[in-house]
Amino acid sequence: MVRAIAHTIFIAYAAPNSKTLAFAQRLMAAGKCVVTFDSSSNPLLKDQGIAGLGMDAIVQCCLEFDDDS
């Protein structure tokens, strides 16, 4: 349900072979905007093409909404 209505999804961390990592992969495949922390602790998320951002950029990304999406 969340992925159907959210325009940006923030995922803090995903462990190897976790449901969170699988969820992130499904979100990316569906073309959703997914972001995470810019940290070396998130190599699995970054390997999926998920943008690693600083806190201010994450907040800004989550607050922005494009009516054309």
N, C-alpha and C. Protein backbone atom coordinates (compact mmCIF):
# COMPACT_ATOMS: atom_id res chain seq x y z
N MET A 1 0.82 -1.19 0.00
CA MET A 1 0.00 0.00 0.00
C MET A 1 0.86 1.26 0.00
N VAL A 2 1.92 1.25 0.82
CA VAL A 2 2.78 2.42 0.90
C VAL A 2 3.36 2.75 -0.46
N ARG A 3 3.84 1.74 -1.16
CA ARG A 3 4.47 2.02 -2.45
C ARG A 3 3.47 2.53 -3.48
N ALA A 4 2.20 2.27 -3.30
CA ALA A 4 1.19 2.73 -4.25
C ALA A 4 0.91 4.21 -4.11
N ILE A 5 1.04 4.76 -2.90
CA ILE A 5 0.66 6.15 -2.69
C ILE A 5 1.84 7.09 -2.43
N ALA A 6 2.98 6.56 -2.03
CA ALA A 6 4.13 7.40 -1.71
C ALA A 6 4.87 7.82 -2.97
N HIS A 7 5.32 9.08 -3.01
CA HIS A 7 6.11 9.52 -4.15
C HIS A 7 7.60 9.33 -3.89
N THR A 8 8.01 9.32 -2.63
CA THR A 8 9.40 9.07 -2.26
C THR A 8 9.40 8.14 -1.05
N ILE A 9 10.24 7.11 -1.10
CA ILE A 9 10.34 6.16 -0.01
C ILE A 9 11.76 6.21 0.53
N PHE A 10 11.90 6.40 1.83
CA PHE A 10 13.20 6.41 2.50
C PHE A 10 13.41 5.06 3.17
N ILE A 11 14.54 4.43 2.89
CA ILE A 11 14.92 3.18 3.54
C ILE A 11 16.26 3.41 4.22
N ALA A 12 16.28 3.28 5.54
CA ALA A 12 17.50 3.57 6.30
C ALA A 12 18.57 2.50 6.11
N TYR A 13 18.17 1.23 6.07
CA TYR A 13 19.14 0.14 6.00
C TYR A 13 18.43 -1.12 5.51
N ALA A 14 19.17 -1.95 4.80
CA ALA A 14 18.64 -3.25 4.39
C ALA A 14 19.75 -4.29 4.54
N ALA A 15 19.49 -5.33 5.29
CA ALA A 15 20.45 -6.41 5.48
C ALA A 15 20.44 -7.33 4.25
N PRO A 16 21.52 -8.07 4.05
CA PRO A 16 21.55 -9.02 2.94
C PRO A 16 20.39 -10.02 3.02
N ASN A 17 19.79 -10.31 1.89
CA ASN A 17 18.70 -11.29 1.79
C ASN A 17 17.50 -10.97 2.68
N SER A 18 17.31 -9.70 3.01
CA SER A 18 16.20 -9.30 3.88
C SER A 18 14.95 -8.95 3.09
N LYS A 19 13.83 -8.92 3.78
CA LYS A 19 12.58 -8.48 3.17
C LYS A 19 12.67 -7.00 2.79
N THR A 20 13.43 -6.24 3.57
CA THR A 20 13.59 -4.81 3.26
C THR A 20 14.34 -4.64 1.94
N LEU A 21 15.38 -5.41 1.72
CA LEU A 21 16.12 -5.34 0.47
C LEU A 21 15.24 -5.76 -0.70
N ALA A 22 14.46 -6.82 -0.53
CA ALA A 22 13.54 -7.25 -1.58
C ALA A 22 12.49 -6.18 -1.87
N PHE A 23 12.00 -5.52 -0.83
CA PHE A 23 11.03 -4.43 -0.99
C PHE A 23 11.66 -3.28 -1.77
N ALA A 24 12.90 -2.93 -1.43
CA ALA A 24 13.61 -1.86 -2.14
C ALA A 24 13.77 -2.20 -3.62
N GLN A 25 14.08 -3.45 -3.91
CA GLN A 25 14.23 -3.89 -5.30
C GLN A 25 12.91 -3.78 -6.06
N ARG A 26 11.81 -4.14 -5.41
CA ARG A 26 10.50 -4.03 -6.06
C ARG A 26 10.13 -2.57 -6.30
N LEU A 27 10.45 -1.71 -5.34
CA LEU A 27 10.17 -0.29 -5.51
C LEU A 27 10.94 0.28 -6.70
N MET A 28 12.22 -0.05 -6.80
CA MET A 28 13.04 0.44 -7.90
C MET A 28 12.51 -0.09 -9.24
N ALA A 29 12.12 -1.35 -9.27
CA ALA A 29 11.58 -1.94 -10.49
C ALA A 29 10.28 -1.25 -10.92
N ALA A 30 9.54 -0.75 -9.93
CA ALA A 30 8.28 -0.06 -10.22
C ALA A 30 8.50 1.41 -10.58
N GLY A 31 9.76 1.85 -10.56
CA GLY A 31 10.07 3.22 -10.94
C GLY A 31 9.86 4.25 -9.83
N LYS A 32 9.78 3.79 -8.58
CA LYS A 32 9.59 4.70 -7.46
C LYS A 32 10.90 5.41 -7.10
N CYS A 33 10.79 6.57 -6.49
CA CYS A 33 11.94 7.31 -5.99
C CYS A 33 12.26 6.76 -4.61
N VAL A 34 13.41 6.12 -4.49
CA VAL A 34 13.84 5.53 -3.22
C VAL A 34 15.16 6.17 -2.83
N VAL A 35 15.27 6.58 -1.57
CA VAL A 35 16.50 7.20 -1.07
C VAL A 35 16.93 6.54 0.23
N THR A 36 18.21 6.70 0.54
CA THR A 36 18.78 6.19 1.77
C THR A 36 19.83 7.16 2.26
N PHE A 37 20.42 6.87 3.41
CA PHE A 37 21.51 7.69 3.92
C PHE A 37 22.74 7.54 3.03
N ASP A 38 23.52 8.61 2.91
CA ASP A 38 24.80 8.54 2.22
C ASP A 38 25.81 8.02 3.23
N SER A 39 25.93 6.70 3.29
CA SER A 39 26.76 6.06 4.30
C SER A 39 27.37 4.79 3.74
N SER A 40 28.54 4.46 4.19
CA SER A 40 29.18 3.21 3.78
C SER A 40 28.47 2.00 4.38
N SER A 41 27.52 2.24 5.28
CA SER A 41 26.74 1.15 5.88
C SER A 41 25.64 0.63 4.96
N ASN A 42 25.44 1.29 3.83
CA ASN A 42 24.35 0.92 2.92
C ASN A 42 24.82 0.45 1.54
N PRO A 43 25.83 -0.38 1.46
CA PRO A 43 26.30 -0.76 0.12
C PRO A 43 25.26 -1.55 -0.68
N LEU A 44 24.45 -2.35 -0.01
CA LEU A 44 23.45 -3.13 -0.74
C LEU A 44 22.40 -2.24 -1.38
N LEU A 45 21.98 -1.21 -0.67
CA LEU A 45 20.98 -0.29 -1.23
C LEU A 45 21.59 0.51 -2.37
N LYS A 46 22.79 0.99 -2.19
CA LYS A 46 23.44 1.77 -3.25
C LYS A 46 23.71 0.91 -4.48
N ASP A 47 24.02 -0.37 -4.28
CA ASP A 47 24.23 -1.28 -5.41
C ASP A 47 22.96 -1.46 -6.25
N GLN A 48 21.81 -1.20 -5.64
CA GLN A 48 20.53 -1.29 -6.35
C GLN A 48 20.23 -0.02 -7.14
N GLY A 49 21.10 0.98 -6.99
CA GLY A 49 20.88 2.26 -7.68
C GLY A 49 20.13 3.26 -6.84
N ILE A 50 19.98 2.98 -5.56
CA ILE A 50 19.27 3.88 -4.66
C ILE A 50 20.21 5.02 -4.26
N ALA A 51 19.71 6.23 -4.36
CA ALA A 51 20.53 7.41 -4.08
C ALA A 51 20.84 7.51 -2.59
N GLY A 52 22.11 7.70 -2.27
CA GLY A 52 22.54 7.98 -0.91
C GLY A 52 22.63 9.48 -0.73
N LEU A 53 21.82 10.02 0.18
CA LEU A 53 21.75 11.46 0.35
C LEU A 53 22.03 11.86 1.79
N GLY A 54 22.43 13.11 1.99
CA GLY A 54 22.56 13.67 3.33
C GLY A 54 21.18 13.95 3.90
N MET A 55 21.12 14.18 5.19
CA MET A 55 19.83 14.37 5.88
C MET A 55 19.01 15.52 5.28
N ASP A 56 19.63 16.66 5.03
CA ASP A 56 18.89 17.80 4.47
C ASP A 56 18.30 17.45 3.10
N ALA A 57 19.07 16.76 2.27
CA ALA A 57 18.58 16.38 0.94
C ALA A 57 17.46 15.35 1.03
N ILE A 58 17.54 14.45 2.00
CA ILE A 58 16.46 13.46 2.20
C ILE A 58 15.17 14.17 2.57
N VAL A 59 15.25 15.09 3.51
CA VAL A 59 14.05 15.83 3.93
C VAL A 59 13.47 16.59 2.74
N GLN A 60 14.32 17.28 1.98
CA GLN A 60 13.85 18.05 0.83
C GLN A 60 13.20 17.14 -0.21
N CYS A 61 13.82 16.01 -0.49
CA CYS A 61 13.29 15.06 -1.47
C CYS A 61 11.92 14.54 -1.03
N CYS A 62 11.76 14.26 0.25
CA CYS A 62 10.50 13.74 0.75
C CYS A 62 9.40 14.80 0.79
N LEU A 63 9.79 16.07 0.89
CA LEU A 63 8.79 17.14 0.94
C LEU A 63 8.35 17.59 -0.44
N GLU A 64 9.21 17.40 -1.44
CA GLU A 64 8.86 17.81 -2.80
C GLU A 64 7.85 16.84 -3.38
N PHE A 65 6.94 17.37 -4.16
CA PHE A 65 5.97 16.52 -4.83
C PHE A 65 5.71 17.08 -6.21
N ASP A 66 5.83 16.20 -7.19
CA ASP A 66 5.61 16.59 -8.58
C ASP A 66 4.24 16.08 -9.00
N ASP A 67 3.31 17.01 -9.28
CA ASP A 67 1.94 16.64 -9.65
C ASP A 67 1.86 15.85 -10.95
N ASP A 68 2.92 15.86 -11.76
CA ASP A 68 2.92 15.15 -13.02
C ASP A 68 3.32 13.69 -12.89
N SER A 69 3.71 13.25 -11.70
CA SER A 69 4.18 11.87 -11.55
C SER A 69 3.05 10.90 -11.35
